[in-house]
């Protein structure tokens, strides 16, 4: 069974999707980094505020990720690194709901988020595009 496909996004709409997706990904990483630092400093009021902000980012990030899967060439399973990102993202979302606000737990979540960024940047095992031959 194949996932439904949307028409592939053109250059400008894809760039807008890139921007929105990166915005929410950055807010998620930044928010949890702040929660991590605040948990070390025991600033509970700040932790509660940041957690509320981060709660908005997770569904928005998942929605833009779904758009990437349906409306771009990346799909969901055509590249191992994309599949790894989905698995890691789901694990992190579940972890954020289950783990206590403790520096050790939060450091693991932040490390996982940094791994997501690294997968997006380095795209391990991505098929290299051949450069045009020069005469």
Protein backbone atom coordinates (compact mmCIF):
# COMPACT_ATOMS: atom_id res chain seq x y z
CA UNK A 1 0.00 0.00 0.00
CA UNK A 2 1.46 3.32 -1.07
CA UNK A 3 1.06 6.57 0.81
CA UNK A 4 -1.09 9.09 -1.00
CA UNK A 5 0.96 11.58 -2.95
CA UNK A 6 0.39 15.26 -3.37
CA UNK A 7 1.65 17.25 -6.31
CA UNK A 8 5.35 17.97 -5.73
CA UNK A 9 6.05 21.45 -4.45
CA UNK A 10 7.74 23.97 -6.70
CA UNK A 11 10.81 25.94 -5.60
CA UNK A 12 9.16 28.82 -3.67
CA UNK A 13 6.48 26.78 -1.83
CA UNK A 14 9.16 24.22 -0.88
CA UNK A 15 11.36 26.98 0.49
CA UNK A 16 8.42 28.26 2.56
CA UNK A 17 7.87 24.71 3.86
CA UNK A 18 11.61 24.51 4.64
CA UNK A 19 11.42 27.77 6.57
CA UNK A 20 8.35 26.79 8.61
CA UNK A 21 9.71 23.31 9.33
CA UNK A 22 13.09 24.66 10.44
CA UNK A 23 11.41 27.32 12.56
CA UNK A 24 9.45 24.74 14.54
CA UNK A 25 12.42 22.37 14.72
CA UNK A 26 14.56 25.20 16.09
CA UNK A 27 11.91 26.18 18.62
CA UNK A 28 11.66 22.55 19.74
CA UNK A 29 15.42 22.19 20.14
CA UNK A 30 15.81 25.65 21.69
CA UNK A 31 12.86 25.13 24.01
CA UNK A 32 14.16 21.85 25.35
CA UNK A 33 17.66 23.27 25.68
CA UNK A 34 16.21 26.07 27.81
CA UNK A 35 14.22 23.55 29.88
CA UNK A 36 17.41 21.52 30.31
CA UNK A 37 19.39 24.55 31.54
CA UNK A 38 16.52 25.71 33.76
CA UNK A 39 16.20 22.24 35.29
CA UNK A 40 19.85 22.42 36.27
CA UNK A 41 19.27 25.88 37.75
CA UNK A 42 15.95 24.77 39.34
CA UNK A 43 13.93 27.58 37.72
CA UNK A 44 10.52 25.90 37.72
CA UNK A 45 8.47 28.89 36.54
CA UNK A 46 10.59 29.23 33.41
CA UNK A 47 10.40 25.48 32.80
CA UNK A 48 6.58 25.54 32.88
CA UNK A 49 6.41 28.47 30.45
CA UNK A 50 8.86 26.93 27.97
CA UNK A 51 7.07 23.58 28.12
CA UNK A 52 3.85 25.27 27.02
CA UNK A 53 5.63 26.89 24.07
CA UNK A 54 7.25 23.59 23.07
CA UNK A 55 3.88 21.77 23.19
CA UNK A 56 2.74 23.93 20.26
CA UNK A 57 5.86 23.15 18.24
CA UNK A 58 5.53 19.36 18.27
CA UNK A 59 2.26 19.04 16.30
CA UNK A 60 3.32 21.84 13.93
CA UNK A 61 6.65 20.12 13.33
CA UNK A 62 4.95 16.78 12.70
CA UNK A 63 2.50 18.43 10.28
CA UNK A 64 5.28 20.05 8.26
CA UNK A 65 7.17 16.74 8.33
CA UNK A 66 4.12 15.00 6.88
CA UNK A 67 3.98 17.64 4.15
CA UNK A 68 7.62 16.87 3.35
CA UNK A 69 6.77 13.19 3.06
CA UNK A 70 3.78 13.69 0.81
CA UNK A 71 4.73 16.76 -1.22
CA UNK A 72 8.47 16.49 -1.82
CA UNK A 73 10.83 13.96 -3.38
CA UNK A 74 12.02 12.82 0.07
CA UNK A 75 8.95 10.68 0.84
CA UNK A 76 8.92 8.57 4.01
CA UNK A 77 10.88 5.44 3.17
CA UNK A 78 12.82 6.16 -0.01
CA UNK A 79 15.93 7.15 1.99
CA UNK A 80 17.16 5.43 5.13
CA UNK A 81 18.06 8.73 6.78
CA UNK A 82 14.48 10.00 6.37
CA UNK A 83 13.08 6.82 7.92
CA UNK A 84 15.61 7.16 10.76
CA UNK A 85 14.44 10.75 11.34
CA UNK A 86 10.80 9.63 11.58
CA UNK A 87 11.65 6.84 14.04
CA UNK A 88 13.82 9.14 16.15
CA UNK A 89 11.23 11.93 16.04
CA UNK A 90 8.46 9.63 17.24
CA UNK A 91 10.74 8.31 20.00
CA UNK A 92 11.56 11.87 21.08
CA UNK A 93 7.92 12.98 21.06
CA UNK A 94 6.96 10.00 23.23
CA UNK A 95 9.95 10.68 25.49
CA UNK A 96 8.98 14.31 25.97
CA UNK A 97 5.62 13.15 27.28
CA UNK A 98 7.00 10.44 29.55
CA UNK A 99 10.32 11.53 31.02
CA UNK A 100 10.57 13.61 34.16
CA UNK A 101 12.04 17.10 34.17
CA UNK A 102 15.48 15.97 35.18
CA UNK A 103 18.79 17.16 33.69
CA UNK A 104 19.88 13.63 32.72
CA UNK A 105 16.60 12.85 30.92
CA UNK A 106 16.49 16.23 29.21
CA UNK A 107 20.10 15.94 28.06
CA UNK A 108 19.15 12.74 26.24
CA UNK A 109 16.24 14.47 24.51
CA UNK A 110 18.41 17.42 23.47
CA UNK A 111 21.07 15.00 22.15
CA UNK A 112 18.38 13.21 20.13
CA UNK A 113 17.21 16.51 18.66
CA UNK A 114 20.77 17.40 17.69
CA UNK A 115 20.97 13.98 16.00
CA UNK A 116 17.85 14.90 13.99
CA UNK A 117 19.52 18.09 12.79
CA UNK A 118 22.68 16.11 11.93
CA UNK A 119 20.67 13.58 9.90
CA UNK A 120 19.04 16.44 8.00
CA UNK A 121 22.35 18.10 7.23
CA UNK A 122 24.60 15.11 6.46
CA UNK A 123 21.96 12.76 4.96
CA UNK A 124 24.05 9.59 5.47
CA UNK A 125 24.02 7.12 2.59
CA UNK A 126 22.26 9.63 0.32
CA UNK A 127 22.87 8.79 -3.28
CA UNK A 128 25.34 11.32 -4.66
CA UNK A 129 24.20 13.22 -7.72
CA UNK A 130 26.56 12.95 -10.63
CA UNK A 131 28.16 16.20 -11.70
CA UNK A 132 27.83 17.04 -15.38
CA UNK A 133 30.84 15.97 -17.43
CA UNK A 134 32.94 18.85 -18.74
CA UNK A 135 34.56 18.57 -22.12
